[in-house]
Protein backbone atom coordinates (compact mmCIF):
# COMPACT_ATOMS: atom_id res chain seq x y z
CA UNK A 1 0.00 0.00 0.00
CA UNK A 2 1.32 3.45 -0.88
CA UNK A 3 1.99 5.75 2.04
CA UNK A 4 -0.50 8.33 0.78
CA UNK A 5 -3.22 5.71 0.91
CA UNK A 6 -2.39 5.11 4.58
CA UNK A 7 -2.73 8.88 5.05
CA UNK A 8 -6.15 8.70 3.38
CA UNK A 9 -7.23 5.88 5.70
CA UNK A 10 -6.21 8.00 8.70
CA UNK A 11 -8.11 11.00 7.34
CA UNK A 12 -11.17 8.83 6.70
CA UNK A 13 -11.05 7.54 10.29
CA UNK A 14 -10.68 11.13 11.49
CA UNK A 15 -13.74 12.07 9.46
CA UNK A 16 -15.79 9.19 10.87
CA UNK A 17 -14.81 10.01 14.46
CA UNK A 18 -15.56 13.70 13.86
CA UNK A 19 -19.15 13.00 12.89
CA UNK A 20 -19.76 10.32 15.51
CA UNK A 21 -18.67 12.70 18.27
CA UNK A 22 -20.46 15.66 16.67
CA UNK A 23 -23.81 13.86 16.21
CA UNK A 24 -23.83 11.83 19.41
CA UNK A 25 -25.51 14.75 21.19
CA UNK A 26 -28.37 14.67 18.68
CA UNK A 27 -28.89 10.90 19.01
CA UNK A 28 -28.73 11.04 22.81
CA UNK A 29 -30.82 14.21 22.77
CA UNK A 30 -34.18 12.71 23.82
CA UNK A 31 -32.64 11.13 26.93
CA UNK A 32 -30.58 14.20 27.82
CA UNK A 33 -33.55 16.53 27.44
CA UNK A 34 -35.66 14.30 29.64
CA UNK A 35 -33.05 13.89 32.40
CA UNK A 36 -31.94 17.53 32.52
CA UNK A 37 -35.48 18.88 31.95
CA UNK A 38 -34.44 20.95 28.93
CA UNK A 39 -37.41 22.15 26.81
CA UNK A 40 -37.13 22.29 23.00
CA UNK A 41 -36.52 26.06 22.79
CA UNK A 42 -33.51 25.74 25.13
CA UNK A 43 -32.30 22.55 23.47
CA UNK A 44 -31.82 24.66 20.35
CA UNK A 45 -29.22 26.67 22.26
CA UNK A 46 -27.37 23.47 23.19
CA UNK A 47 -27.19 22.46 19.54
CA UNK A 48 -26.50 25.99 18.32
CA UNK A 49 -23.61 26.58 20.73
CA UNK A 50 -21.51 24.05 18.84
CA UNK A 51 -22.30 25.55 15.43
CA UNK A 52 -21.60 29.11 16.60
CA UNK A 53 -18.17 28.23 17.99
CA UNK A 54 -17.38 26.04 15.00
CA UNK A 55 -18.04 28.93 12.64
CA UNK A 56 -16.07 31.46 14.70
CA UNK A 57 -12.93 29.35 14.98
CA UNK A 58 -12.95 27.64 11.56
CA UNK A 59 -10.81 30.24 9.74
CA UNK A 60 -8.26 30.83 12.55
CA UNK A 61 -7.71 27.11 13.00
CA UNK A 62 -7.37 26.52 9.28
CA UNK A 63 -4.78 29.31 9.14
CA UNK A 64 -2.96 27.72 12.08
CA UNK A 65 -2.53 24.51 10.09
CA UNK A 66 -1.04 26.46 7.19
CA UNK A 67 1.37 28.17 9.58
CA UNK A 68 2.63 25.34 11.80
CA UNK A 69 1.58 22.22 9.91
CA UNK A 70 -1.44 19.94 9.90
CA UNK A 71 0.24 17.22 11.96
CA UNK A 72 0.29 19.29 15.15
CA UNK A 73 -2.97 21.11 14.54
CA UNK A 74 -5.05 18.03 13.76
CA UNK A 75 -3.68 16.29 16.86
CA UNK A 76 -4.63 19.33 18.97
CA UNK A 77 -8.09 19.47 17.40
CA UNK A 78 -8.83 15.80 18.05
CA UNK A 79 -7.51 15.82 21.63
CA UNK A 80 -9.49 18.99 22.42
CA UNK A 81 -12.78 17.81 21.01
CA UNK A 82 -12.31 14.34 22.54
CA UNK A 83 -11.90 15.94 25.97
CA UNK A 84 -15.13 17.91 25.58
CA UNK A 85 -16.93 14.91 24.13
CA UNK A 86 -16.12 13.09 27.37
CA UNK A 87 -17.02 16.13 29.47
CA UNK A 88 -20.48 16.21 27.88
CA UNK A 89 -21.27 13.27 30.12
CA UNK A 90 -20.62 15.26 33.31
CA UNK A 91 -23.03 18.10 32.49
CA UNK A 92 -25.83 18.36 35.05
CA UNK A 93 -27.44 21.60 33.93
CA UNK A 94 -28.50 23.43 30.80
CA UNK A 95 -25.84 26.13 31.30
CA UNK A 96 -23.02 23.60 31.73
CA UNK A 97 -24.11 21.74 28.63
CA UNK A 98 -24.15 24.92 26.53
CA UNK A 99 -20.64 25.88 27.70
CA UNK A 100 -19.27 22.40 27.05
CA UNK A 101 -20.81 22.27 23.58
CA UNK A 102 -19.46 25.72 22.72
CA UNK A 103 -15.94 24.66 23.73
CA UNK A 104 -16.42 21.40 21.85
CA UNK A 105 -17.21 23.39 18.69
CA UNK A 106 -14.24 25.68 19.23
CA UNK A 107 -11.97 22.64 19.44
CA UNK A 108 -13.39 20.75 16.48
CA UNK A 109 -13.29 23.77 14.17
CA UNK A 110 -10.67 23.45 11.47
CA UNK A 111 -10.70 19.66 11.23
CA UNK A 112 -11.81 19.53 7.61
CA UNK A 113 -9.76 22.53 6.39
CA UNK A 114 -6.66 20.91 7.86
CA UNK A 115 -7.59 17.56 6.33
CA UNK A 116 -7.77 19.37 2.99
CA UNK A 117 -4.30 20.75 3.68
CA UNK A 118 -3.03 17.21 4.17
CA UNK A 119 -4.57 16.16 0.86
CA UNK A 120 -2.85 19.10 -0.87
CA UNK A 121 0.51 18.03 0.56
CA UNK A 122 0.21 14.30 -0.04
CA UNK A 123 -1.78 13.76 -3.23
CA UNK A 124 -1.08 14.61 -6.86
CA UNK A 125 -3.49 17.07 -8.44
CA UNK A 126 -5.42 14.44 -10.38
CA UNK A 127 -6.16 12.44 -7.18
CA UNK A 128 -7.18 15.28 -4.87
CA UNK A 129 -10.89 15.41 -5.73
CA UNK A 130 -11.24 11.65 -5.20
CA UNK A 131 -9.33 11.86 -1.92
CA UNK A 132 -11.64 14.65 -0.75
CA UNK A 133 -14.62 12.56 -1.83
CA UNK A 134 -13.41 9.70 0.38
CA UNK A 135 -12.92 12.05 3.35
CA UNK A 136 -16.41 13.53 3.02
CA UNK A 137 -18.01 10.14 2.37
CA UNK A 138 -16.36 8.89 5.56
CA UNK A 139 -17.92 11.78 7.50
CA UNK A 140 -21.37 10.73 6.27
CA UNK A 141 -20.57 7.13 7.14
CA UNK A 142 -19.76 8.40 10.64
CA UNK A 143 -23.16 10.08 10.71
CA UNK A 144 -24.80 6.82 9.68
CA UNK A 145 -22.90 4.86 12.34
CA UNK A 146 -23.68 7.27 15.16
CA UNK A 147 -27.21 6.08 16.03
CA UNK A 148 -26.17 2.46 15.54
CA UNK A 149 -23.36 2.96 18.06
CA UNK A 150 -24.84 5.44 20.52
CA UNK A 151 -28.30 3.90 21.02
CA UNK A 152 -27.05 0.40 22.02
CA UNK A 153 -24.23 1.87 24.12
CA UNK A 154 -26.50 4.14 26.13
CA UNK A 155 -28.87 1.22 26.66
CA UNK A 156 -26.03 -0.63 28.37
CA UNK A 157 -23.97 2.06 30.13
CA UNK A 158 -26.14 5.19 29.94
CA UNK A 159 -25.60 8.33 27.89
CA UNK A 160 -23.01 9.80 30.26
CA UNK A 161 -20.57 6.90 30.05
CA UNK A 162 -21.22 6.66 26.30
CA UNK A 163 -19.72 10.13 25.81
CA UNK A 164 -16.68 9.18 27.87
CA UNK A 165 -16.07 6.09 25.72
CA UNK A 166 -16.42 8.11 22.52
CA UNK A 167 -13.80 10.54 23.80
CA UNK A 168 -11.28 7.73 24.21
CA UNK A 169 -11.52 6.81 20.52
CA UNK A 170 -10.27 10.25 19.49
CA UNK A 171 -7.33 10.02 21.89
CA UNK A 172 -6.29 6.72 20.29
CA UNK A 173 -6.47 8.28 16.81
CA UNK A 174 -4.33 11.25 17.87
CA UNK A 175 -1.66 8.93 19.28
CA UNK A 176 -1.40 7.01 16.00
CA UNK A 177 -1.41 10.24 13.97
CA UNK A 178 1.39 11.86 15.96
CA UNK A 179 3.45 8.69 15.95
CA UNK A 180 3.22 8.00 12.21
CA UNK A 181 2.34 11.04 10.09
CA UNK A 182 4.77 13.67 8.73
CA UNK A 183 3.66 16.89 7.03
CA UNK A 184 6.41 16.56 4.45
CA UNK A 185 5.91 13.33 2.52
CA UNK A 186 9.64 13.26 1.77
CA UNK A 187 10.35 12.73 5.47
CA UNK A 188 7.91 9.84 5.82
CA UNK A 189 9.82 6.65 6.78
CA UNK A 190 9.59 3.95 4.15
CA UNK A 191 8.18 6.07 1.34
CA UNK A 192 9.64 5.22 -2.05
CA UNK A 193 11.27 7.68 -4.45
CA UNK A 194 8.68 6.59 -7.02
CA UNK A 195 5.79 7.63 -4.81
CA UNK A 196 7.44 10.96 -4.01
CA UNK A 197 7.69 11.54 -7.75
CA UNK A 198 4.04 10.53 -8.20
CA UNK A 199 2.92 12.98 -5.52
CA UNK A 200 4.88 15.79 -7.12
CA UNK A 201 5.28 19.27 -5.68
CA UNK A 202 2.75 20.40 -3.04
CA UNK A 203 -0.11 22.69 -3.93
CA UNK A 204 0.83 26.39 -4.11
CA UNK A 205 0.72 27.86 -0.63
CA UNK A 206 0.75 24.49 1.17
CA UNK A 207 3.90 25.50 3.04
CA UNK A 208 3.45 29.26 3.26
CA UNK A 209 4.10 31.06 6.53
CA UNK A 210 1.87 34.08 6.07
CA UNK A 211 -1.82 34.40 5.29
CA UNK A 212 -2.61 36.71 2.32
CA UNK A 213 -5.82 37.97 3.91
CA UNK A 214 -6.37 40.85 1.48
CA UNK A 215 -6.05 38.61 -1.57
CA UNK A 216 -8.11 35.90 0.09
CA UNK A 217 -11.11 38.06 0.97
CA UNK A 218 -10.84 39.92 -2.32
CA UNK A 219 -11.25 36.71 -4.35
CA UNK A 220 -14.67 36.53 -6.01
CA UNK A 221 -14.36 32.74 -6.31
CA UNK A 222 -13.99 32.39 -2.54
CA UNK A 223 -17.22 34.29 -1.89
CA UNK A 224 -19.09 32.16 -4.43
CA UNK A 225 -17.85 29.00 -2.72
CA UNK A 226 -18.79 30.41 0.69
CA UNK A 227 -22.29 31.31 -0.56
CA UNK A 228 -22.72 27.81 -1.99
CA UNK A 229 -21.71 26.21 1.29
CA UNK A 230 -23.95 28.54 3.30
CA UNK A 231 -27.05 27.45 1.39
CA UNK A 232 -25.95 23.83 1.31
CA UNK A 233 -25.45 23.70 5.09
CA UNK A 234 -28.97 24.90 5.88
CA UNK A 235 -30.45 21.55 4.86
CA UNK A 236 -28.02 19.00 6.32
CA UNK A 237 -27.91 20.69 9.71
CA UNK A 238 -31.46 19.54 10.37
CA UNK A 239 -30.22 15.96 10.03
CA UNK A 240 -27.09 16.75 12.06
CA UNK A 241 -29.09 18.16 14.96
CA UNK A 242 -32.88 17.80 15.20
CA UNK A 243 -33.67 14.72 13.11
CA UNK A 244 -33.27 12.09 15.88
CA UNK A 245 -35.38 14.16 18.30
CA UNK A 246 -38.04 14.61 15.61
CA UNK A 247 -38.17 10.87 14.93
CA UNK A 248 -38.64 10.05 18.63
CA UNK A 249 -40.78 12.97 19.78
CA UNK A 250 -42.58 13.87 16.56
CA UNK A 251 -42.89 10.62 14.62
CA UNK A 252 -43.27 8.46 17.74
CA UNK A 253 -40.52 5.97 16.92
CA UNK A 254 -38.60 4.07 19.55
CA UNK A 255 -34.91 4.88 19.95
CA UNK A 256 -33.91 1.70 18.13
CA UNK A 257 -36.30 2.43 15.27
CA UNK A 258 -34.98 5.99 15.15
CA UNK A 259 -31.45 4.66 14.84
CA UNK A 260 -32.17 2.84 11.59
CA UNK A 261 -34.14 5.69 10.00
CA UNK A 262 -31.53 8.28 11.03
CA UNK A 263 -28.82 6.41 9.12
CA UNK A 264 -30.51 6.71 5.73
CA UNK A 265 -29.73 10.38 4.86
CA UNK A 266 -26.08 9.82 5.76
CA UNK A 267 -25.70 6.66 3.70
CA UNK A 268 -27.06 8.52 0.69
CA UNK A 269 -24.74 11.43 1.49
CA UNK A 270 -21.77 9.06 1.55
CA UNK A 271 -22.70 7.70 -1.86
CA UNK A 272 -23.07 11.24 -3.23
CA UNK A 273 -19.70 12.31 -1.82
CA UNK A 274 -17.92 9.38 -3.47
CA UNK A 275 -19.67 10.03 -6.77
CA UNK A 276 -18.81 13.72 -6.64
CA UNK A 277 -15.17 12.96 -5.88
CA UNK A 278 -14.89 10.61 -8.84
CA UNK A 279 -16.65 13.07 -11.14
CA UNK A 280 -14.35 15.87 -10.00
């Protein structure tokens, strides 16, 4: 197996873990709301705290990866969000839960921009779209797995211990990442000269030390991409946040029934991501 394919496996696992930890709160939502006596209008603040922090810190954390390298930044991101995933299980009030979720979002922000930076460093131009397709498909697979993992776990150990166990998975990933991955593919132990030649030079700006903010925010293409993503995100966030609660509270399904129905949008999203990556 080529070293860049091992990198892609690690990024795919990162993407799966990201979505499992991100969506666990939505799947466990009905139990958490019941135990902590959180009404729907306040539950929206719990879910929104993550998104707000994620948006605020996305650009600074992406820039940090460009400045000091994705190896260190992705390890920091995963360790941070894993800690606050585990701490979700110790929240005993609405206020504590909002604070923990806000800090969780601040820590997870930048995961996908930095994963894209890794792809730019490690993959030749003609493979980058497919690599990104795999990473995004893996995130949707993580979304599909979340109810299938969280519902049985909380049946056995409760939702609080479930969050602690999920946090440990991220710590294990960070240990492997730090121990194996190098930002510069040429420094990767065991990589062949042939593969280095296949990868070719990194994307322009992959190793830059300064952020050209004026040029960045003056680029019309960037604003078009941002507008596209803004309108795209409005739909999926219902499935990332409220869908499990709707299935249980609105449609009257049991938690186990909810788990199977909640996987369907994400499985279709995974298929679409792979198809888009190949087409790109």
